[in-house]
Amino acid sequence: AHIKLESYGFAITDATRAIELDPSYVKAYYRRAIANAAILSYKEALKDFKTVVRKAPHDKDAKLKLGECEKIVRRAEFLKAIEVGDAPSAAEGLDLDAIVIDDSYDGVRLENDMTQEFIDDMIKRFKNGKTIHRKYVYQIVIAVKDLVVKEPTMVEVEVKEGEEGGHKLTVCGDTHGQFFDLLEIFRLNGFPSDTHSYLFNGDFVDRGSWSTEVAILLYAYKWLRPNAFFINRGNHETDDMNRVYGFEGECKAKYNERIFKLFSESFSALPLATLIGGKFLTLHGGLFSDDNVTLDDIRKLNRHNQRQPGHAGLMMEMLWTDPQTAPGRGPSKRGVGMQFGPDVTKRFCEENGLEAIIRSHEVRMEGYEVEHDGRCITGGQTLFFFFF
């Protein structure tokens, strides 16, 4: 049940206890291996898959899983062996002027600046199952990377009062490659405009099969409205997750490997948090294992020195942690990061002058949930909030 609910940390704990009680219980090794593989701990999974095959040599599924896991471990070791410390950008040597778009291309042309006309046409193309030309994808991703790399690790925005009805900022949770859900949010809630800003709080790729469309559309709006359209990084805007949960393969299938590498570079440049009106800290995962962490620590975090979040530290916790109902801190149900209670949230908000934290990262049956005495707001997939 924990595996089905993606509570892989709990599944690992249960399986480990079962093995302690009965070292011959093959299913426990298998389930622990499945859970470890799901959180990308492939070396740990490999040990258990080998045990399963040794104890149940006729289990075809276990042999298949063992072979898959061995391939992944070998690939990871190979990539680590050839890794270059300061690898050149995928944009290096890319001559956009030399890429010719022939007359058969039936979409709106993109010149040096993003236009609403291009976005409207792009939406129609995506709805009809078409792509845009790879040159335009290059332009969009490179332009947005150049924008977000200059933004601070924690972007600070104010929602200004307008002449009619005020300025609105909508915060959206995980969209996970659900392009038509994204369009439905815009249809119901309004498309980005001069008086309506958006903040997408990470995890806009992977899982869904329209991840490139979602990412390109969000990036196009970011390019069009750089000071009124904001994107936080989520735990799925990372290389390891993209390899397992679909975005890398989708990029290669619809475009090419270079476009995935450009997206990867842009993901590592995305801000990790947004402070709204000085009162609402918005970040993908949640709070920290150390009570001494402050907003200034987030401001000072140099995300450019660490492209991927790893398994420990401030960046990992901002992308991975979850709230719990019990006070204090507890082990992560995911097997990555930890969980924080209402007392942790209360202290953090009081010490940093916040009204609440806003996070995504989890599905909520009602779409969103206000927790921790109103100080922690979790918006699940495709959920939105309003600030005036």
Protein backbone atom coordinates (compact mmCIF):
# COMPACT_ATOMS: atom_id res chain seq x y z
CA ALA A 1 0.00 0.00 0.00
CA HIS A 2 2.84 2.41 0.81
CA ILE A 3 4.41 1.73 -2.60
CA LYS A 4 1.09 2.42 -4.36
CA LEU A 5 0.81 5.68 -2.41
CA GLU A 6 4.44 6.51 -3.29
CA SER A 7 5.31 6.58 0.42
CA TYR A 8 8.56 4.84 -0.37
CA GLY A 9 10.26 5.74 2.90
CA PHE A 10 7.50 4.03 4.86
CA ALA A 11 7.67 1.03 2.50
CA ILE A 12 11.41 0.67 3.11
CA THR A 13 10.90 0.86 6.88
CA ASP A 14 8.15 -1.77 6.79
CA ALA A 15 10.12 -4.12 4.55
CA THR A 16 13.25 -3.76 6.69
CA ARG A 17 11.25 -4.65 9.83
CA ALA A 18 9.72 -7.64 8.05
CA ILE A 19 13.18 -8.90 7.08
CA GLU A 20 14.34 -8.52 10.70
CA LEU A 21 11.42 -10.69 11.80
CA ASP A 22 11.83 -13.23 9.00
CA PRO A 23 15.05 -13.11 6.92
CA SER A 24 13.57 -15.68 4.51
CA TYR A 25 10.59 -13.47 3.55
CA VAL A 26 11.35 -12.89 -0.14
CA LYS A 27 8.55 -10.39 -0.77
CA ALA A 28 10.04 -7.99 1.76
CA TYR A 29 13.35 -7.89 -0.14
CA TYR A 30 11.45 -7.37 -3.39
CA ARG A 31 9.31 -4.55 -2.02
CA ARG A 32 12.29 -2.83 -0.44
CA ALA A 33 14.11 -3.04 -3.75
CA ILE A 34 11.13 -1.56 -5.62
CA ALA A 35 10.88 1.31 -3.11
CA ASN A 36 14.60 2.06 -3.22
CA ALA A 37 14.57 2.05 -7.02
CA ALA A 38 11.67 4.52 -6.99
CA ILE A 39 13.71 7.02 -4.95
CA LEU A 40 16.72 6.42 -7.24
CA SER A 41 18.74 4.49 -4.61
CA TYR A 42 19.70 1.91 -7.20
CA LYS A 43 22.71 0.44 -5.42
CA GLU A 44 20.56 -0.39 -2.41
CA ALA A 45 17.87 -1.79 -4.70
CA LEU A 46 20.44 -3.91 -6.52
CA LYS A 47 21.44 -5.68 -3.31
CA ASP A 48 17.85 -6.71 -2.61
CA PHE A 49 17.09 -7.75 -6.19
CA LYS A 50 20.13 -10.04 -6.06
CA THR A 51 18.82 -11.53 -2.82
CA VAL A 52 15.39 -12.12 -4.37
CA VAL A 53 16.88 -13.87 -7.41
CA ARG A 54 19.09 -16.00 -5.18
CA LYS A 55 16.19 -17.03 -2.94
CA ALA A 56 13.65 -17.36 -5.80
CA PRO A 57 15.69 -18.33 -8.89
CA HIS A 58 12.59 -19.03 -11.00
CA ASP A 59 11.03 -15.58 -10.49
CA LYS A 60 11.13 -14.09 -14.01
CA ASP A 61 9.96 -10.64 -12.89
CA ALA A 62 12.71 -10.41 -10.29
CA LYS A 63 15.33 -11.39 -12.88
CA LEU A 64 14.01 -8.71 -15.23
CA LYS A 65 14.08 -6.06 -12.50
CA LEU A 66 17.59 -7.14 -11.52
CA GLY A 67 18.81 -6.74 -15.11
CA GLU A 68 17.21 -3.29 -15.41
CA CYS A 69 18.74 -2.19 -12.13
CA GLU A 70 22.19 -3.43 -13.12
CA LYS A 71 21.99 -1.43 -16.36
CA ILE A 72 21.03 1.73 -14.49
CA VAL A 73 23.87 1.33 -11.97
CA ARG A 74 26.39 0.73 -14.76
CA ARG A 75 25.12 3.77 -16.65
CA ALA A 76 25.36 5.96 -13.55
CA GLU A 77 28.92 4.80 -12.93
CA PHE A 78 29.82 5.47 -16.56
CA LEU A 79 28.33 8.97 -16.49
CA LYS A 80 30.16 9.72 -13.25
CA ALA A 81 33.44 8.51 -14.77
CA ILE A 82 33.15 10.80 -17.79
CA GLU A 83 31.69 13.75 -15.89
CA VAL A 84 33.49 17.03 -16.49
CA GLY A 85 33.62 19.55 -13.67
CA ASP A 86 32.81 22.59 -15.77
CA ALA A 87 31.23 21.06 -18.83
CA PRO A 88 30.53 23.47 -21.67
CA SER A 89 26.97 24.64 -22.13
CA ALA A 90 24.78 22.80 -24.62
CA ALA A 91 24.30 26.22 -26.23
CA GLU A 92 28.01 26.43 -27.05
CA GLY A 93 28.54 26.13 -30.78
CA LEU A 94 24.82 26.43 -31.47
CA ASP A 95 24.40 28.81 -34.43
CA LEU A 96 20.74 29.76 -34.43
CA ASP A 97 21.14 31.95 -37.52
CA ALA A 98 22.32 28.93 -39.48
CA ILE A 99 19.15 26.94 -38.70
CA VAL A 100 16.83 27.47 -41.64
CA ILE A 101 13.08 27.10 -41.26
CA ASP A 102 11.72 26.06 -44.62
CA ASP A 103 8.54 27.37 -46.19
CA SER A 104 6.58 24.24 -45.26
CA TYR A 105 6.49 25.28 -41.59
CA ASP A 106 2.90 26.43 -41.05
CA GLY A 107 3.26 28.20 -37.71
CA VAL A 108 3.80 31.81 -36.68
CA ARG A 109 7.45 32.81 -36.99
CA LEU A 110 9.46 33.88 -33.95
CA GLU A 111 12.01 36.63 -34.40
CA ASN A 112 14.14 38.12 -31.62
CA ASP A 113 11.40 38.69 -29.04
CA MET A 114 8.51 36.63 -27.73
CA THR A 115 5.04 37.78 -28.79
CA GLN A 116 1.53 36.96 -27.66
CA GLU A 117 0.74 36.06 -31.26
CA PHE A 118 3.42 33.37 -31.22
CA ILE A 119 2.15 31.98 -27.89
CA ASP A 120 -1.45 31.84 -29.10
CA ASP A 121 -0.41 30.01 -32.24
CA MET A 122 1.85 27.67 -30.25
CA ILE A 123 -1.03 26.71 -27.97
CA LYS A 124 -3.15 25.80 -31.01
CA ARG A 125 -0.33 23.73 -32.45
CA PHE A 126 0.19 21.85 -29.20
CA LYS A 127 -3.55 21.20 -28.86
CA ASN A 128 -3.48 19.66 -32.33
CA GLY A 129 -0.56 17.41 -31.49
CA LYS A 130 2.01 19.45 -33.40
CA THR A 131 5.39 20.71 -32.22
CA ILE A 132 7.11 24.01 -32.85
CA HIS A 133 10.36 24.17 -34.78
CA ARG A 134 13.42 23.13 -32.77
CA LYS A 135 15.03 26.51 -33.50
CA TYR A 136 12.24 28.21 -31.59
CA VAL A 137 12.65 25.80 -28.67
CA TYR A 138 16.36 26.65 -28.58
CA GLN A 139 15.53 30.37 -28.58
CA ILE A 140 12.94 30.06 -25.81
CA VAL A 141 15.00 27.92 -23.44
CA ILE A 142 18.18 29.96 -23.90
CA ALA A 143 16.30 33.25 -23.41
CA VAL A 144 14.66 32.01 -20.20
CA LYS A 145 17.88 30.56 -18.85
CA ASP A 146 19.53 33.96 -19.37
CA LEU A 147 16.65 35.57 -17.46
CA VAL A 148 16.39 33.24 -14.48
CA VAL A 149 20.13 32.87 -13.93
CA LYS A 150 20.14 36.57 -12.99
CA GLU A 151 17.27 36.19 -10.52
CA PRO A 152 18.09 35.65 -6.84
CA THR A 153 17.70 32.24 -5.22
CA MET A 154 14.66 33.68 -3.43
CA VAL A 155 12.72 36.06 -5.66
CA GLU A 156 10.86 38.75 -3.71
CA VAL A 157 7.70 40.13 -5.28
CA GLU A 158 5.04 42.60 -4.27
CA VAL A 159 1.45 42.44 -5.45
CA LYS A 160 0.66 46.03 -6.34
CA GLU A 161 -2.77 47.55 -6.15
CA GLY A 162 -4.24 48.38 -9.55
CA GLU A 163 -6.73 50.97 -10.59
CA GLU A 164 -9.51 48.45 -11.13
CA GLY A 165 -9.75 45.42 -8.89
CA GLY A 166 -6.10 45.26 -7.92
CA HIS A 167 -3.25 43.15 -9.20
CA LYS A 168 -3.67 39.39 -8.88
CA LEU A 169 -0.98 36.76 -8.41
CA THR A 170 -1.93 33.12 -8.87
CA VAL A 171 0.24 30.38 -7.39
CA CYS A 172 0.01 27.01 -9.17
CA GLY A 173 1.10 23.65 -7.85
CA ASP A 174 2.45 20.68 -9.78
CA THR A 175 1.27 20.39 -13.38
CA HIS A 176 3.47 17.38 -14.26
CA GLY A 177 3.14 17.43 -18.01
CA GLN A 178 -0.67 17.83 -18.02
CA PHE A 179 -0.96 20.37 -20.81
CA PHE A 180 -4.73 20.41 -21.03
CA ASP A 181 -5.04 20.83 -17.27
CA LEU A 182 -2.75 23.83 -17.58
CA LEU A 183 -4.97 25.31 -20.29
CA GLU A 184 -8.01 24.69 -18.09
CA ILE A 185 -6.39 26.65 -15.26
CA PHE A 186 -5.84 29.54 -17.65
CA ARG A 187 -9.39 29.25 -19.02
CA LEU A 188 -11.00 29.27 -15.60
CA ASN A 189 -8.67 31.66 -13.85
CA GLY A 190 -7.49 33.95 -16.63
CA PHE A 191 -4.44 33.95 -18.86
CA PRO A 192 -1.32 35.84 -17.76
CA SER A 193 -1.72 39.57 -18.31
CA ASP A 194 -0.46 42.96 -17.15
CA THR A 195 -2.67 42.74 -14.05
CA HIS A 196 -2.55 38.99 -13.49
CA SER A 197 0.77 37.42 -12.60
CA TYR A 198 1.50 33.72 -12.13
CA LEU A 199 3.92 31.74 -10.02
CA PHE A 200 4.41 28.07 -10.96
CA ASN A 201 5.80 26.29 -7.94
CA GLY A 202 7.84 23.51 -9.56
CA ASP A 203 7.20 20.01 -10.94
CA PHE A 204 5.86 21.11 -14.29
CA VAL A 205 7.60 18.23 -16.08
CA ASP A 206 7.70 14.39 -15.77
CA ARG A 207 4.90 11.86 -15.33
CA GLY A 208 2.58 13.43 -17.92
CA SER A 209 3.29 12.92 -21.61
CA TRP A 210 2.96 16.64 -22.49
CA SER A 211 5.88 17.83 -20.39
CA THR A 212 7.70 19.54 -23.27
CA GLU A 213 4.54 21.45 -24.18
CA VAL A 214 4.00 22.57 -20.58
CA ALA A 215 7.65 23.59 -20.12
CA ILE A 216 7.83 25.47 -23.43
CA LEU A 217 4.57 27.32 -22.77
CA LEU A 218 5.60 28.37 -19.26
CA TYR A 219 9.00 29.46 -20.56
CA ALA A 220 7.38 31.42 -23.39
CA TYR A 221 5.28 33.35 -20.86
CA LYS A 222 8.36 33.93 -18.72
CA TRP A 223 10.15 35.40 -21.73
CA LEU A 224 7.12 37.54 -22.63
CA ARG A 225 6.52 38.80 -19.07
CA PRO A 226 9.81 38.40 -17.18
CA ASN A 227 8.72 40.59 -14.27
CA ALA A 228 5.20 39.20 -13.92
CA PHE A 229 5.62 35.47 -14.50
CA PHE A 230 7.62 33.41 -12.04
CA ILE A 231 8.84 29.82 -11.90
CA ASN A 232 10.26 27.99 -8.88
CA ARG A 233 12.27 24.82 -9.22
CA GLY A 234 10.72 21.55 -8.06
CA ASN A 235 12.26 18.20 -7.21
CA HIS A 236 11.35 16.99 -10.72
CA GLU A 237 13.35 19.75 -12.41
CA THR A 238 16.44 17.60 -11.84
CA ASP A 239 18.42 15.24 -14.05
CA ASP A 240 17.90 12.04 -12.06
CA MET A 241 14.14 12.45 -11.91
CA ASN A 242 13.93 13.41 -15.59
CA ARG A 243 15.71 10.20 -16.61
CA VAL A 244 13.30 8.00 -14.65
CA TYR A 245 9.99 9.84 -14.91
CA GLY A 246 9.92 10.70 -18.58
CA PHE A 247 11.02 14.21 -19.44
CA GLU A 248 14.42 13.27 -20.88
CA GLY A 249 12.90 10.62 -23.12
CA GLU A 250 10.11 12.94 -24.22
CA CYS A 251 12.57 15.68 -25.20
CA LYS A 252 14.59 13.22 -27.25
CA ALA A 253 11.47 11.77 -28.92
CA LYS A 254 9.87 15.10 -29.83
CA TYR A 255 13.03 17.16 -30.41
CA ASN A 256 16.59 16.02 -29.61
CA GLU A 257 19.07 15.40 -26.80
CA ARG A 258 20.52 18.90 -26.99
CA ILE A 259 17.16 20.41 -26.10
CA PHE A 260 16.99 18.22 -22.99
CA LYS A 261 20.48 19.36 -21.99
CA LEU A 262 19.47 23.01 -22.46
CA PHE A 263 16.38 22.44 -20.31
CA SER A 264 18.57 20.75 -17.70
CA GLU A 265 20.83 23.80 -17.57
CA SER A 266 17.84 26.11 -17.28
CA PHE A 267 16.30 24.01 -14.48
CA SER A 268 19.46 24.32 -12.41
CA ALA A 269 19.27 28.11 -12.86
CA LEU A 270 15.67 28.42 -11.61
CA PRO A 271 15.04 30.16 -8.27
CA LEU A 272 14.25 27.88 -5.32
CA ALA A 273 11.71 30.11 -3.59
CA THR A 274 9.55 33.20 -3.97
CA LEU A 275 8.67 35.54 -1.12
CA ILE A 276 5.29 37.18 -1.78
CA GLY A 277 4.63 40.52 -0.14
CA GLY A 278 7.21 39.73 2.52
CA LYS A 279 4.66 37.44 4.21
CA PHE A 280 4.26 34.24 2.19
CA LEU A 281 7.28 32.03 1.49
CA THR A 282 6.53 29.85 -1.53
CA LEU A 283 8.77 26.87 -2.20
CA HIS A 284 8.20 23.46 -3.69
CA GLY A 285 8.93 21.14 -0.77
CA GLY A 286 9.00 22.61 2.69
CA LEU A 287 10.99 23.55 5.77
CA PHE A 288 14.28 22.51 7.24
CA SER A 289 15.95 20.04 9.59
CA ASP A 290 17.62 22.95 11.41
CA ASP A 291 15.59 25.52 13.35
CA ASN A 292 18.31 28.11 12.79
CA VAL A 293 17.67 28.41 9.03
CA THR A 294 16.33 31.85 8.13
CA LEU A 295 15.19 33.71 5.03
CA ASP A 296 18.66 35.24 4.87
CA ASP A 297 20.15 31.75 4.57
CA ILE A 298 17.93 31.16 1.54
CA ARG A 299 18.94 34.52 0.08
CA LYS A 300 22.62 33.67 0.52
CA LEU A 301 22.37 30.15 -0.95
CA ASN A 302 24.36 30.05 -4.18
CA ARG A 303 22.34 27.60 -6.23
CA HIS A 304 24.69 28.01 -9.20
CA ASN A 305 27.47 26.17 -7.35
CA GLN A 306 25.26 23.08 -7.03
CA ARG A 307 23.36 22.11 -10.16
CA GLN A 308 21.59 19.10 -8.63
CA PRO A 309 20.08 18.99 -5.11
CA GLY A 310 21.79 15.80 -3.92
CA HIS A 311 20.66 13.88 -0.83
CA ALA A 312 21.31 16.44 1.90
CA GLY A 313 21.49 20.17 2.51
CA LEU A 314 19.36 23.26 2.16
CA MET A 315 18.50 22.84 -1.53
CA MET A 316 17.41 19.24 -1.12
CA GLU A 317 15.15 20.12 1.81
CA MET A 318 13.57 23.04 -0.05
CA LEU A 319 12.63 20.65 -2.86
CA TRP A 320 11.74 17.47 -0.95
CA THR A 321 10.41 17.89 2.62
CA ASP A 322 6.77 17.43 3.68
CA PRO A 323 4.59 18.52 6.60
CA GLN A 324 3.32 16.09 9.25
CA THR A 325 0.56 16.40 11.86
CA ALA A 326 2.76 15.40 14.81
CA PRO A 327 5.03 17.97 16.46
CA GLY A 328 8.76 17.94 15.82
CA ARG A 329 10.41 16.26 12.88
CA GLY A 330 10.09 12.76 11.54
CA PRO A 331 11.45 10.46 8.83
CA SER A 332 10.26 11.12 5.31
CA LYS A 333 7.50 8.94 3.96
CA ARG A 334 9.26 9.40 0.60
CA GLY A 335 12.62 8.14 1.80
CA VAL A 336 14.21 11.48 0.84
CA GLY A 337 14.42 14.48 3.16
CA MET A 338 12.27 14.58 6.32
CA GLN A 339 8.89 15.74 7.65
CA PHE A 340 8.21 18.79 9.82
CA GLY A 341 5.44 19.39 12.33
CA PRO A 342 3.22 22.40 13.15
CA ASP A 343 5.59 23.60 15.86
CA VAL A 344 8.43 23.76 13.33
CA THR A 345 6.28 25.79 10.96
CA LYS A 346 5.12 28.10 13.77
CA ARG A 347 8.70 28.86 14.89
CA PHE A 348 9.91 29.45 11.34
CA CYS A 349 7.05 31.82 10.51
CA GLU A 350 7.35 33.78 13.75
CA GLU A 351 11.11 34.13 13.56
CA ASN A 352 11.00 35.26 9.93
CA GLY A 353 7.94 37.51 10.11
CA LEU A 354 5.82 35.30 7.84
CA GLU A 355 2.11 34.64 7.80
CA ALA A 356 2.47 31.24 6.13
CA ILE A 357 4.49 29.05 3.83
CA ILE A 358 2.98 27.89 0.55
CA ARG A 359 4.15 24.61 -0.92
CA SER A 360 3.21 22.00 -3.53
CA HIS A 361 4.86 18.56 -3.87
CA GLU A 362 1.83 16.52 -2.76
CA VAL A 363 -1.62 15.65 -4.05
CA ARG A 364 -4.46 16.70 -1.76
CA MET A 365 -7.87 15.10 -2.22
CA GLU A 366 -9.65 18.46 -2.05
CA GLY A 367 -7.01 20.03 -4.28
CA TYR A 368 -5.38 21.99 -1.47
CA GLU A 369 -5.13 21.88 2.30
CA VAL A 370 -4.48 24.49 4.96
CA GLU A 371 -2.44 22.85 7.72
CA HIS A 372 -0.44 23.70 10.81
CA ASP A 373 -2.98 26.18 12.21
CA GLY A 374 -3.16 28.06 8.91
CA ARG A 375 0.59 28.53 8.58
CA CYS A 376 1.23 25.83 5.97
CA ILE A 377 -0.76 25.77 2.71
CA THR A 378 -0.26 22.75 0.47
CA GLY A 379 -1.52 23.10 -3.08
CA GLY A 380 -1.55 19.80 -4.93
CA GLN A 381 -1.45 19.26 -8.63
CA THR A 382 -2.94 22.04 -10.77
CA LEU A 383 -4.22 24.00 -7.76
CA PHE A 384 -4.16 27.75 -7.53
CA PHE A 385 -4.34 30.48 -4.90
CA PHE A 386 -5.12 34.17 -5.12
CA PHE A 387 -3.39 37.16 -3.61
CA PHE A 388 -4.65 40.69 -4.00
